[in-house]
Structures are given as structure tokens and as C-alpha cells.
Protein backbone atom coordinates (compact mmCIF):
# COMPACT_ATOMS: atom_id res chain seq x y z
CA ARG A 1 29.71 31.46 -5.01
CA LEU A 2 27.80 30.53 -1.89
CA LEU A 3 25.03 28.08 -2.65
CA THR A 4 21.63 28.94 -1.25
CA MET A 5 18.22 27.37 -1.53
CA ASN A 6 17.36 30.18 -3.94
CA ASN A 7 19.61 29.08 -6.76
CA LEU A 8 19.94 25.34 -6.37
CA ILE A 9 16.94 23.48 -7.66
CA THR A 10 14.60 23.12 -10.58
CA TYR A 11 11.42 21.13 -10.14
CA ILE A 12 10.08 19.37 -13.23
CA ILE A 13 6.52 18.13 -12.90
CA PRO A 14 5.20 15.98 -15.73
CA THR A 15 1.43 15.86 -15.84
CA TYR A 16 -1.19 13.98 -17.79
CA ARG A 17 -4.70 15.05 -16.81
CA GLY A 18 -3.40 15.91 -13.34
CA HIS A 19 -5.55 18.96 -12.74
CA ARG A 20 -7.07 17.46 -9.57
CA THR A 21 -3.73 17.17 -7.79
CA LEU A 22 -1.39 19.73 -9.37
CA THR A 23 -2.35 22.69 -7.17
CA GLU A 24 -1.50 20.82 -3.96
CA CYS A 25 1.76 19.61 -5.49
CA LEU A 26 2.74 23.18 -6.40
CA GLN A 27 1.76 24.49 -2.98
CA SER A 28 4.03 21.93 -1.34
CA ILE A 29 6.94 23.26 -3.41
CA PHE A 30 6.19 26.86 -2.47
CA CYS A 31 6.15 25.89 1.23
CA GLN A 32 9.66 24.41 1.25
CA GLU A 33 11.64 25.54 4.31
CA GLY A 34 14.30 28.11 3.44
CA GLN A 35 13.36 28.32 -0.21
CA VAL A 36 12.38 31.66 -1.66
CA ASP A 37 12.81 31.03 -5.35
CA ALA A 38 13.21 27.99 -7.58
CA GLN A 39 12.63 27.08 -11.19
CA ILE A 40 9.36 25.18 -11.57
CA PHE A 41 8.44 23.60 -14.89
CA VAL A 42 5.12 21.88 -15.44
CA VAL A 43 5.12 19.72 -18.56
CA GLU A 44 1.73 18.60 -19.78
CA ASN A 45 2.18 15.62 -22.02
CA GLY A 46 0.03 13.75 -24.49
CA HIS A 47 -3.21 15.63 -23.91
CA GLN A 48 -3.53 19.39 -23.53
CA THR A 49 -6.22 20.74 -21.22
CA LYS A 50 -7.29 24.23 -20.22
CA GLU A 51 -7.22 23.29 -16.54
CA ILE A 52 -3.47 22.66 -16.31
CA LYS A 53 -2.59 25.90 -18.09
CA LEU A 54 -5.03 27.84 -15.87
CA ILE A 55 -3.45 26.38 -12.73
CA CYS A 56 0.05 27.28 -13.91
CA ASP A 57 -1.04 30.80 -14.87
CA GLN A 58 -1.98 31.44 -11.23
CA TYR A 59 1.68 31.27 -10.23
CA PRO A 60 4.18 33.62 -11.91
CA GLN A 61 7.12 31.40 -10.90
CA VAL A 62 5.69 28.36 -12.74
CA ARG A 63 6.50 27.87 -16.39
CA TYR A 64 4.06 25.78 -18.42
CA PHE A 65 5.11 23.58 -21.34
CA PHE A 66 3.27 21.11 -23.54
CA THR A 67 4.55 18.13 -25.48
CA SER A 68 2.31 16.03 -27.67
CA ILE A 69 4.29 12.91 -26.81
CA LYS A 70 2.48 10.98 -24.08
CA SER A 71 5.45 9.86 -22.04
CA ARG A 72 6.40 10.76 -18.49
CA SER A 73 10.07 10.10 -19.29
CA HIS A 74 9.97 12.37 -22.32
CA ALA A 75 8.22 15.09 -20.31
CA ARG A 76 10.92 14.88 -17.65
CA ASN A 77 13.77 15.17 -20.10
CA VAL A 78 12.48 17.51 -22.80
CA LEU A 79 13.38 20.61 -20.74
CA LEU A 80 16.86 19.69 -19.55
CA ASP A 81 18.43 22.36 -21.77
CA LYS A 82 16.37 25.08 -20.00
CA ILE A 83 17.60 24.29 -16.50
CA GLU A 84 19.80 26.93 -14.87
CA THR A 85 20.33 25.22 -11.50
CA PRO A 86 22.76 22.48 -10.42
CA PHE A 87 20.00 20.15 -9.15
CA VAL A 88 16.78 18.85 -10.66
CA ALA A 89 13.88 17.28 -8.81
CA TYR A 90 11.43 15.23 -10.82
CA ILE A 91 8.11 15.27 -9.01
CA ASP A 92 4.86 13.67 -10.14
CA ASP A 93 1.77 15.87 -10.10
CA ASP A 94 0.20 13.93 -7.24
CA VAL A 95 3.17 14.26 -4.85
CA ILE A 96 2.93 16.44 -1.76
CA LEU A 97 6.40 17.30 -0.43
CA ASP A 98 7.19 17.56 3.25
CA GLN A 99 8.20 21.16 4.03
CA ASN A 100 11.82 20.11 4.67
CA TRP A 101 12.15 17.82 1.64
CA SER A 102 14.45 19.96 -0.51
CA LYS A 103 16.45 21.41 2.40
CA GLU A 104 17.22 17.97 3.84
CA GLY A 105 18.04 16.46 0.47
CA LEU A 106 20.28 19.28 -0.73
CA THR A 107 22.10 19.68 2.58
CA ASN A 108 23.59 16.22 2.00
CA PHE A 109 25.29 17.52 -1.15
CA ASP A 110 26.86 20.65 0.35
CA SER A 111 27.50 21.25 4.03
CA THR A 112 27.86 25.02 3.38
CA LEU A 113 24.29 25.30 2.14
CA THR A 114 22.43 28.14 3.84
């Protein structure tokens, strides 16, 4: 199977009261060069707020999860069994990716990537 940007990567974004920065983080994922589709999981941990769920609900490609355990590490790993792609990117909710971030990083793993 030919690997494409569409079936390679899952982004896991742990968040704890990150409603001020999450939208920009998500937008930077959607603007990745060559990427049409990706799995995107937002994991709110420790404290559940309406704001995070409302942000996630604006984007059909984002799946929202909540864990009562306040731990960034736990939030990153709790969804590993749901991943359907060969690569995972853990991104904090205040990170803004350069538009070539995933393309450049994944190209190093497979020179046939299109």
C-alpha cells in the first residue's frame, strides 16, 4: 500500500484548561501541507470544561475524550488502542505547527511518501 499523508498520522492533544490556545493548535494541524485527513484526538484531563468540548464539536474530524486523571502522560497514552495510523504525534494544546511540520517529519521515515 502506498503511504500518503492521508493515512499516516494521528495527533493526540492532551489539554488541561487549554481553551485559550486549542483552536489555534487545531487550525495549525488542519493547515498541514499535503494533508487532507488525519486522526485528531483531544484528551481533556483532570478537569472537564464546556469550552474544550465546544471547540472540538466545531470540527467533525476531531474526537473529544475526557479522563478524570490529571496527567499529561496518561492523557497521551490512554487512547493508544484507538489509533489506526502508523505514526502518532503528541502535541500540547499551545503548540502551533509550521505548515510543513508533518510532511517534513514523515518524509524522513519513507522516501515514497506522496
